[in-house]
Amino acid sequence: MTLTMKFAEVLYAARDAKKLTQSQVAEAVSISVRWYQKVEAGLRLPSTIPAIKLMLFLGIDIEELREASGLPKLDNKKHKDFAMM
């Protein structure tokens, strides 16, 4: 399953758990309902800022998303901190 589909599943589950409509979520993060519907349907993957807004509003933990997507956990001991370069 693609990252787009996994993100969509996590969004739907978080929205459903909070008993919110797609319209309520879209309005809260200042995006169109139609665009949000496409994201939740797995047809679009939001860029960074809308993704962060959605995750913060719905209370989605980045680790939850990483695990759901099957991405490996970064071992900081084996990788350089590129922000320090």
PDB file of N, CA and C in Angstrom:
ATOM      1  N   MET A   1       0.844  -1.182   0.000  1.00  0.00           N
ATOM      2  CA  MET A   1       0.000   0.000   0.000  1.00  0.00           C
ATOM      3  C   MET A   1       0.890   1.247   0.000  1.00  0.00           C
ATOM      4  N   THR A   2       0.473   2.259  -0.708  1.00  0.00           N
ATOM      5  CA  THR A   2       1.275   3.469  -0.852  1.00  0.00           C
ATOM      6  C   THR A   2       1.167   4.373   0.377  1.00  0.00           C
ATOM      7  N   LEU A   3       2.121   5.278   0.487  1.00  0.00           N
ATOM      8  CA  LEU A   3       2.092   6.260   1.571  1.00  0.00           C
ATOM      9  C   LEU A   3       0.826   7.106   1.494  1.00  0.00           C
ATOM     10  N   THR A   4       0.410   7.436   0.274  1.00  0.00           N
ATOM     11  CA  THR A   4      -0.808   8.240   0.088  1.00  0.00           C
ATOM     12  C   THR A   4      -2.018   7.526   0.681  1.00  0.00           C
ATOM     13  N   MET A   5      -2.134   6.234   0.426  1.00  0.00           N
ATOM     14  CA  MET A   5      -3.265   5.462   0.953  1.00  0.00           C
ATOM     15  C   MET A   5      -3.175   5.308   2.473  1.00  0.00           C
ATOM     16  N   LYS A   6      -1.973   5.100   2.989  1.00  0.00           N
ATOM     17  CA  LYS A   6      -1.809   4.966   4.438  1.00  0.00           C
ATOM     18  C   LYS A   6      -2.158   6.273   5.146  1.00  0.00           C
ATOM     19  N   PHE A   7      -1.707   7.390   4.563  1.00  0.00           N
ATOM     20  CA  PHE A   7      -2.033   8.699   5.140  1.00  0.00           C
ATOM     21  C   PHE A   7      -3.547   8.887   5.147  1.00  0.00           C
ATOM     22  N   ALA A   8      -4.188   8.491   4.059  1.00  0.00           N
ATOM     23  CA  ALA A   8      -5.649   8.602   3.961  1.00  0.00           C
ATOM     24  C   ALA A   8      -6.328   7.776   5.045  1.00  0.00           C
ATOM     25  N   GLU A   9      -5.853   6.559   5.275  1.00  0.00           N
ATOM     26  CA  GLU A   9      -6.437   5.693   6.303  1.00  0.00           C
ATOM     27  C   GLU A   9      -6.287   6.299   7.701  1.00  0.00           C
ATOM     28  N   VAL A  10      -5.106   6.829   7.976  1.00  0.00           N
ATOM     29  CA  VAL A  10      -4.860   7.437   9.286  1.00  0.00           C
ATOM     30  C   VAL A  10      -5.734   8.672   9.474  1.00  0.00           C
ATOM     31  N   LEU A  11      -5.865   9.486   8.422  1.00  0.00           N
ATOM     32  CA  LEU A  11      -6.735  10.660   8.497  1.00  0.00           C
ATOM     33  C   LEU A  11      -8.176  10.261   8.787  1.00  0.00           C
ATOM     34  N   TYR A  12      -8.668   9.302   8.019  1.00  0.00           N
ATOM     35  CA  TYR A  12     -10.056   8.879   8.207  1.00  0.00           C
ATOM     36  C   TYR A  12     -10.281   8.363   9.631  1.00  0.00           C
ATOM     37  N   ALA A  13      -9.376   7.514  10.109  1.00  0.00           N
ATOM     38  CA  ALA A  13      -9.533   6.939  11.448  1.00  0.00           C
ATOM     39  C   ALA A  13      -9.541   8.028  12.516  1.00  0.00           C
ATOM     40  N   ALA A  14      -8.652   9.009  12.377  1.00  0.00           N
ATOM     41  CA  ALA A  14      -8.582  10.099  13.364  1.00  0.00           C
ATOM     42  C   ALA A  14      -9.839  10.963  13.305  1.00  0.00           C
ATOM     43  N   ARG A  15     -10.295  11.258  12.093  1.00  0.00           N
ATOM     44  CA  ARG A  15     -11.504  12.076  11.936  1.00  0.00           C
ATOM     45  C   ARG A  15     -12.721  11.348  12.488  1.00  0.00           C
ATOM     46  N   ASP A  16     -12.824  10.070  12.171  1.00  0.00           N
ATOM     47  CA  ASP A  16     -13.947   9.258  12.629  1.00  0.00           C
ATOM     48  C   ASP A  16     -13.960   9.143  14.158  1.00  0.00           C
ATOM     49  N   ALA A  17     -12.787   8.984  14.753  1.00  0.00           N
ATOM     50  CA  ALA A  17     -12.690   8.871  16.212  1.00  0.00           C
ATOM     51  C   ALA A  17     -13.158  10.151  16.902  1.00  0.00           C
ATOM     52  N   LYS A  18     -12.952  11.278  16.245  1.00  0.00           N
ATOM     53  CA  LYS A  18     -13.367  12.564  16.810  1.00  0.00           C
ATOM     54  C   LYS A  18     -14.789  12.946  16.398  1.00  0.00           C
ATOM     55  N   LYS A  19     -15.425  12.082  15.592  1.00  0.00           N
ATOM     56  CA  LYS A  19     -16.802  12.314  15.140  1.00  0.00           C
ATOM     57  C   LYS A  19     -16.943  13.646  14.399  1.00  0.00           C
ATOM     58  N   LEU A  20     -15.971  13.931  13.541  1.00  0.00           N
ATOM     59  CA  LEU A  20     -15.996  15.159  12.746  1.00  0.00           C
ATOM     60  C   LEU A  20     -16.372  14.841  11.306  1.00  0.00           C
ATOM     61  N   THR A  21     -16.957  15.817  10.638  1.00  0.00           N
ATOM     62  CA  THR A  21     -17.249  15.663   9.211  1.00  0.00           C
ATOM     63  C   THR A  21     -16.029  16.127   8.411  1.00  0.00           C
ATOM     64  N   GLN A  22     -15.998  15.755   7.148  1.00  0.00           N
ATOM     65  CA  GLN A  22     -14.934  16.224   6.276  1.00  0.00           C
ATOM     66  C   GLN A  22     -14.971  17.743   6.174  1.00  0.00           C
ATOM     67  N   SER A  23     -16.151  18.306   6.142  1.00  0.00           N
ATOM     68  CA  SER A  23     -16.299  19.765   6.072  1.00  0.00           C
ATOM     69  C   SER A  23     -15.709  20.451   7.299  1.00  0.00           C
ATOM     70  N   GLN A  24     -15.931  19.891   8.462  1.00  0.00           N
ATOM     71  CA  GLN A  24     -15.396  20.480   9.689  1.00  0.00           C
ATOM     72  C   GLN A  24     -13.867  20.473   9.685  1.00  0.00           C
ATOM     73  N   VAL A  25     -13.290  19.375   9.246  1.00  0.00           N
ATOM     74  CA  VAL A  25     -11.829  19.279   9.197  1.00  0.00           C
ATOM     75  C   VAL A  25     -11.278  20.270   8.183  1.00  0.00           C
ATOM     76  N   ALA A  26     -11.859  20.281   6.994  1.00  0.00           N
ATOM     77  CA  ALA A  26     -11.393  21.182   5.933  1.00  0.00           C
ATOM     78  C   ALA A  26     -11.461  22.638   6.390  1.00  0.00           C
ATOM     79  N   GLU A  27     -12.555  23.013   6.995  1.00  0.00           N
ATOM     80  CA  GLU A  27     -12.714  24.392   7.458  1.00  0.00           C
ATOM     81  C   GLU A  27     -11.687  24.731   8.540  1.00  0.00           C
ATOM     82  N   ALA A  28     -11.449  23.801   9.437  1.00  0.00           N
ATOM     83  CA  ALA A  28     -10.528  24.045  10.552  1.00  0.00           C
ATOM     84  C   ALA A  28      -9.090  24.277  10.091  1.00  0.00           C
ATOM     85  N   VAL A  29      -8.704  23.638   8.995  1.00  0.00           N
ATOM     86  CA  VAL A  29      -7.321  23.790   8.513  1.00  0.00           C
ATOM     87  C   VAL A  29      -7.230  24.639   7.247  1.00  0.00           C
ATOM     88  N   SER A  30      -8.315  25.302   6.917  1.00  0.00           N
ATOM     89  CA  SER A  30      -8.368  26.255   5.792  1.00  0.00           C
ATOM     90  C   SER A  30      -8.026  25.637   4.437  1.00  0.00           C
ATOM     91  N   ILE A  31      -8.679  24.521   4.145  1.00  0.00           N
ATOM     92  CA  ILE A  31      -8.558  23.899   2.824  1.00  0.00           C
ATOM     93  C   ILE A  31      -9.967  23.639   2.305  1.00  0.00           C
ATOM     94  N   SER A  32     -10.082  23.391   1.005  1.00  0.00           N
ATOM     95  CA  SER A  32     -11.413  23.127   0.458  1.00  0.00           C
ATOM     96  C   SER A  32     -11.870  21.718   0.834  1.00  0.00           C
ATOM     97  N   VAL A  33     -13.168  21.569   0.949  1.00  0.00           N
ATOM     98  CA  VAL A  33     -13.737  20.261   1.276  1.00  0.00           C
ATOM     99  C   VAL A  33     -13.388  19.266   0.178  1.00  0.00           C
ATOM    100  N   ARG A  34     -13.496  19.679  -1.069  1.00  0.00           N
ATOM    101  CA  ARG A  34     -13.212  18.780  -2.191  1.00  0.00           C
ATOM    102  C   ARG A  34     -11.768  18.298  -2.153  1.00  0.00           C
ATOM    103  N   TRP A  35     -10.829  19.189  -1.860  1.00  0.00           N
ATOM    104  CA  TRP A  35      -9.425  18.798  -1.777  1.00  0.00           C
ATOM    105  C   TRP A  35      -9.224  17.810  -0.638  1.00  0.00           C
ATOM    106  N   TYR A  36      -9.838  18.093   0.527  1.00  0.00           N
ATOM    107  CA  TYR A  36      -9.723  17.173   1.660  1.00  0.00           C
ATOM    108  C   TYR A  36     -10.312  15.808   1.311  1.00  0.00           C
ATOM    109  N   GLN A  37     -11.422  15.788   0.613  1.00  0.00           N
ATOM    110  CA  GLN A  37     -12.029  14.513   0.208  1.00  0.00           C
ATOM    111  C   GLN A  37     -11.062  13.703  -0.643  1.00  0.00           C
ATOM    112  N   LYS A  38     -10.350  14.381  -1.537  1.00  0.00           N
ATOM    113  CA  LYS A  38      -9.367  13.684  -2.379  1.00  0.00           C
ATOM    114  C   LYS A  38      -8.216  13.131  -1.544  1.00  0.00           C
ATOM    115  N   VAL A  39      -7.784  13.882  -0.544  1.00  0.00           N
ATOM    116  CA  VAL A  39      -6.708  13.407   0.327  1.00  0.00           C
ATOM    117  C   VAL A  39      -7.177  12.186   1.115  1.00  0.00           C
ATOM    118  N   GLU A  40      -8.365  12.284   1.689  1.00  0.00           N
ATOM    119  CA  GLU A  40      -8.878  11.171   2.496  1.00  0.00           C
ATOM    120  C   GLU A  40      -9.208   9.944   1.648  1.00  0.00           C
ATOM    121  N   ALA A  41      -9.482  10.154   0.369  1.00  0.00           N
ATOM    122  CA  ALA A  41      -9.752   9.036  -0.543  1.00  0.00           C
ATOM    123  C   ALA A  41      -8.457   8.410  -1.066  1.00  0.00           C
ATOM    124  N   GLY A  42      -7.323   9.024  -0.725  1.00  0.00           N
ATOM    125  CA  GLY A  42      -6.045   8.485  -1.179  1.00  0.00           C
ATOM    126  C   GLY A  42      -5.683   8.893  -2.591  1.00  0.00           C
ATOM    127  N   LEU A  43      -6.339   9.931  -3.098  1.00  0.00           N
ATOM    128  CA  LEU A  43      -6.068  10.399  -4.455  1.00  0.00           C
ATOM    129  C   LEU A  43      -5.009  11.501  -4.484  1.00  0.00           C
ATOM    130  N   ARG A  44      -4.782  12.145  -3.351  1.00  0.00           N
ATOM    131  CA  ARG A  44      -3.800  13.237  -3.253  1.00  0.00           C
ATOM    132  C   ARG A  44      -3.012  13.066  -1.965  1.00  0.00           C
ATOM    133  N   LEU A  45      -1.769  13.465  -1.999  1.00  0.00           N
ATOM    134  CA  LEU A  45      -0.948  13.524  -0.790  1.00  0.00           C
ATOM    135  C   LEU A  45      -0.647  14.998  -0.542  1.00  0.00           C
ATOM    136  N   PRO A  46      -1.037  15.517   0.621  1.00  0.00           N
ATOM    137  CA  PRO A  46      -0.839  16.943   0.851  1.00  0.00           C
ATOM    138  C   PRO A  46       0.633  17.298   0.981  1.00  0.00           C
ATOM    139  N   SER A  47       0.941  18.546   0.659  1.00  0.00           N
ATOM    140  CA  SER A  47       2.299  19.035   0.871  1.00  0.00           C
ATOM    141  C   SER A  47       2.523  19.189   2.371  1.00  0.00           C
ATOM    142  N   THR A  48       3.697  19.591   2.745  1.00  0.00           N
ATOM    143  CA  THR A  48       4.111  19.596   4.150  1.00  0.00           C
ATOM    144  C   THR A  48       3.200  20.407   5.072  1.00  0.00           C
ATOM    145  N   ILE A  49       2.944  21.662   4.737  1.00  0.00           N
ATOM    146  CA  ILE A  49       2.175  22.524   5.640  1.00  0.00           C
ATOM    147  C   ILE A  49       0.744  22.014   5.843  1.00  0.00           C
ATOM    148  N   PRO A  50      -0.004  21.694   4.772  1.00  0.00           N
ATOM    149  CA  PRO A  50      -1.346  21.144   5.007  1.00  0.00           C
ATOM    150  C   PRO A  50      -1.315  19.813   5.766  1.00  0.00           C
ATOM    151  N   ALA A  51      -0.316  18.991   5.511  1.00  0.00           N
ATOM    152  CA  ALA A  51      -0.214  17.709   6.225  1.00  0.00           C
ATOM    153  C   ALA A  51      -0.006  17.951   7.718  1.00  0.00           C
ATOM    154  N   ILE A  52       0.872  18.887   8.045  1.00  0.00           N
ATOM    155  CA  ILE A  52       1.122  19.203   9.455  1.00  0.00           C
ATOM    156  C   ILE A  52      -0.137  19.769  10.112  1.00  0.00           C
ATOM    157  N   LYS A  53      -0.819  20.667   9.419  1.00  0.00           N
ATOM    158  CA  LYS A  53      -2.064  21.233   9.963  1.00  0.00           C
ATOM    159  C   LYS A  53      -3.089  20.132  10.235  1.00  0.00           C
ATOM    160  N   LEU A  54      -3.243  19.225   9.282  1.00  0.00           N
ATOM    161  CA  LEU A  54      -4.197  18.123   9.455  1.00  0.00           C
ATOM    162  C   LEU A  54      -3.801  17.243  10.639  1.00  0.00           C
ATOM    163  N   MET A  55      -2.527  16.913  10.722  1.00  0.00           N
ATOM    164  CA  MET A  55      -2.068  16.044  11.808  1.00  0.00           C
ATOM    165  C   MET A  55      -2.242  16.707  13.166  1.00  0.00           C
ATOM    166  N   LEU A  56      -1.930  17.997  13.257  1.00  0.00           N
ATOM    167  CA  LEU A  56      -2.098  18.703  14.530  1.00  0.00           C
ATOM    168  C   LEU A  56      -3.569  18.797  14.921  1.00  0.00           C
ATOM    169  N   PHE A  57      -4.420  19.159  13.976  1.00  0.00           N
ATOM    170  CA  PHE A  57      -5.844  19.306  14.266  1.00  0.00           C
ATOM    171  C   PHE A  57      -6.474  17.973  14.691  1.00  0.00           C
ATOM    172  N   LEU A  58      -6.094  16.901  14.002  1.00  0.00           N
ATOM    173  CA  LEU A  58      -6.692  15.591  14.287  1.00  0.00           C
ATOM    174  C   LEU A  58      -5.947  14.810  15.367  1.00  0.00           C
ATOM    175  N   GLY A  59      -4.838  15.354  15.844  1.00  0.00           N
ATOM    176  CA  GLY A  59      -4.094  14.691  16.921  1.00  0.00           C
ATOM    177  C   GLY A  59      -3.355  13.447  16.456  1.00  0.00           C
ATOM    178  N   ILE A  60      -2.857  13.475  15.236  1.00  0.00           N
ATOM    179  CA  ILE A  60      -2.122  12.331  14.687  1.00  0.00           C
ATOM    180  C   ILE A  60      -0.655  12.491  15.038  1.00  0.00           C
ATOM    181  N   ASP A  61      -0.099  11.484  15.659  1.00  0.00           N
ATOM    182  CA  ASP A  61       1.310  11.470  16.032  1.00  0.00           C
ATOM    183  C   ASP A  61       2.138  11.045  14.821  1.00  0.00           C
ATOM    184  N   ILE A  62       3.249  11.718  14.584  1.00  0.00           N
ATOM    185  CA  ILE A  62       4.104  11.398  13.445  1.00  0.00           C
ATOM    186  C   ILE A  62       4.592   9.952  13.518  1.00  0.00           C
ATOM    187  N   GLU A  63       4.816   9.447  14.711  1.00  0.00           N
ATOM    188  CA  GLU A  63       5.256   8.050  14.858  1.00  0.00           C
ATOM    189  C   GLU A  63       4.144   7.082  14.450  1.00  0.00           C
ATOM    190  N   GLU A  64       2.910   7.438  14.751  1.00  0.00           N
ATOM    191  CA  GLU A  64       1.767   6.618  14.337  1.00  0.00           C
ATOM    192  C   GLU A  64       1.713   6.529  12.819  1.00  0.00           C
ATOM    193  N   LEU A  65       1.923   7.658  12.172  1.00  0.00           N
ATOM    194  CA  LEU A  65       1.912   7.690  10.713  1.00  0.00           C
ATOM    195  C   LEU A  65       3.086   6.906  10.145  1.00  0.00           C
ATOM    196  N   ARG A  66       4.262   7.061  10.753  1.00  0.00           N
ATOM    197  CA  ARG A  66       5.434   6.323  10.289  1.00  0.00           C
ATOM    198  C   ARG A  66       5.207   4.824  10.394  1.00  0.00           C
ATOM    199  N   GLU A  67       4.683   4.378  11.519  1.00  0.00           N
ATOM    200  CA  GLU A  67       4.415   2.956  11.717  1.00  0.00           C
ATOM    201  C   GLU A  67       3.356   2.446  10.752  1.00  0.00           C
ATOM    202  N   ALA A  68       2.293   3.214  10.565  1.00  0.00           N
ATOM    203  CA  ALA A  68       1.220   2.804   9.656  1.00  0.00           C
ATOM    204  C   ALA A  68       1.723   2.704   8.224  1.00  0.00           C
ATOM    205  N   SER A  69       2.713   3.528   7.887  1.00  0.00           N
ATOM    206  CA  SER A  69       3.250   3.539   6.530  1.00  0.00           C
ATOM    207  C   SER A  69       4.313   2.476   6.320  1.00  0.00           C
ATOM    208  N   GLY A  70       4.733   1.839   7.394  1.00  0.00           N
ATOM    209  CA  GLY A  70       5.753   0.811   7.277  1.00  0.00           C
ATOM    210  C   GLY A  70       7.150   1.349   7.046  1.00  0.00           C
ATOM    211  N   LEU A  71       7.340   2.640   7.344  1.00  0.00           N
ATOM    212  CA  LEU A  71       8.669   3.229   7.170  1.00  0.00           C
ATOM    213  C   LEU A  71       9.551   2.847   8.348  1.00  0.00           C
ATOM    214  N   PRO A  72      10.821   2.575   8.082  1.00  0.00           N
ATOM    215  CA  PRO A  72      11.711   2.187   9.188  1.00  0.00           C
ATOM    216  C   PRO A  72      11.987   3.365  10.109  1.00  0.00           C
ATOM    217  N   LYS A  73      12.258   3.064  11.353  1.00  0.00           N
ATOM    218  CA  LYS A  73      12.611   4.104  12.309  1.00  0.00           C
ATOM    219  C   LYS A  73      14.072   4.463  12.101  1.00  0.00           C
ATOM    220  N   LEU A  74      14.358   5.741  12.064  1.00  0.00           N
ATOM    221  CA  LEU A  74      15.712   6.222  11.850  1.00  0.00           C
ATOM    222  C   LEU A  74      16.528   6.025  13.113  1.00  0.00           C
ATOM    223  N   ASP A  75      17.663   5.374  12.959  1.00  0.00           N
ATOM    224  CA  ASP A  75      18.579   5.181  14.081  1.00  0.00           C
ATOM    225  C   ASP A  75      19.539   6.362  14.083  1.00  0.00           C
ATOM    226  N   ASN A  76      19.284   7.325  14.950  1.00  0.00           N
ATOM    227  CA  ASN A  76      20.077   8.554  14.974  1.00  0.00           C
ATOM    228  C   ASN A  76      21.555   8.315  15.255  1.00  0.00           C
ATOM    229  N   LYS A  77      21.884   7.198  15.878  1.00  0.00           N
ATOM    230  CA  LYS A  77      23.280   6.918  16.177  1.00  0.00           C
ATOM    231  C   LYS A  77      24.071   6.572  14.918  1.00  0.00           C
ATOM    232  N   LYS A  78      23.373   6.084  13.885  1.00  0.00           N
ATOM    233  CA  LYS A  78      24.040   5.666  12.662  1.00  0.00           C
ATOM    234  C   LYS A  78      24.011   6.732  11.577  1.00  0.00           C
ATOM    235  N   HIS A  79      23.268   7.823  11.801  1.00  0.00           N
ATOM    236  CA  HIS A  79      23.106   8.848  10.778  1.00  0.00           C
ATOM    237  C   HIS A  79      23.566  10.198  11.306  1.00  0.00           C
ATOM    238  N   LYS A  80      24.160  10.978  10.427  1.00  0.00           N
ATOM    239  CA  LYS A  80      24.585  12.319  10.794  1.00  0.00           C
ATOM    240  C   LYS A  80      23.359  13.219  10.946  1.00  0.00           C
ATOM    241  N   ASP A  81      23.477  14.197  11.811  1.00  0.00           N
ATOM    242  CA  ASP A  81      22.433  15.190  11.954  1.00  0.00           C
ATOM    243  C   ASP A  81      22.688  16.274  10.909  1.00  0.00           C
ATOM    244  N   PHE A  82      21.970  16.212   9.802  1.00  0.00           N
ATOM    245  CA  PHE A  82      22.210  17.123   8.698  1.00  0.00           C
ATOM    246  C   PHE A  82      21.857  18.566   9.041  1.00  0.00           C
ATOM    247  N   ALA A  83      21.046  18.770  10.056  1.00  0.00           N
ATOM    248  CA  ALA A  83      20.719  20.128  10.472  1.00  0.00           C
ATOM    249  C   ALA A  83      21.919  20.826  11.078  1.00  0.00           C
ATOM    250  N   MET A  84      22.873  20.065  11.543  1.00  0.00           N
ATOM    251  CA  MET A  84      24.075  20.630  12.171  1.00  0.00           C
ATOM    252  C   MET A  84      25.160  20.918  11.159  1.00  0.00           C
ATOM    253  N   MET A  85      24.963  20.554   9.901  1.00  0.00           N
ATOM    254  CA  MET A  85      25.998  20.756   8.881  1.00  0.00           C
ATOM    255  C   MET A  85      26.025  22.179   8.413  1.00  0.00           C
TER     256      MET A  85
END
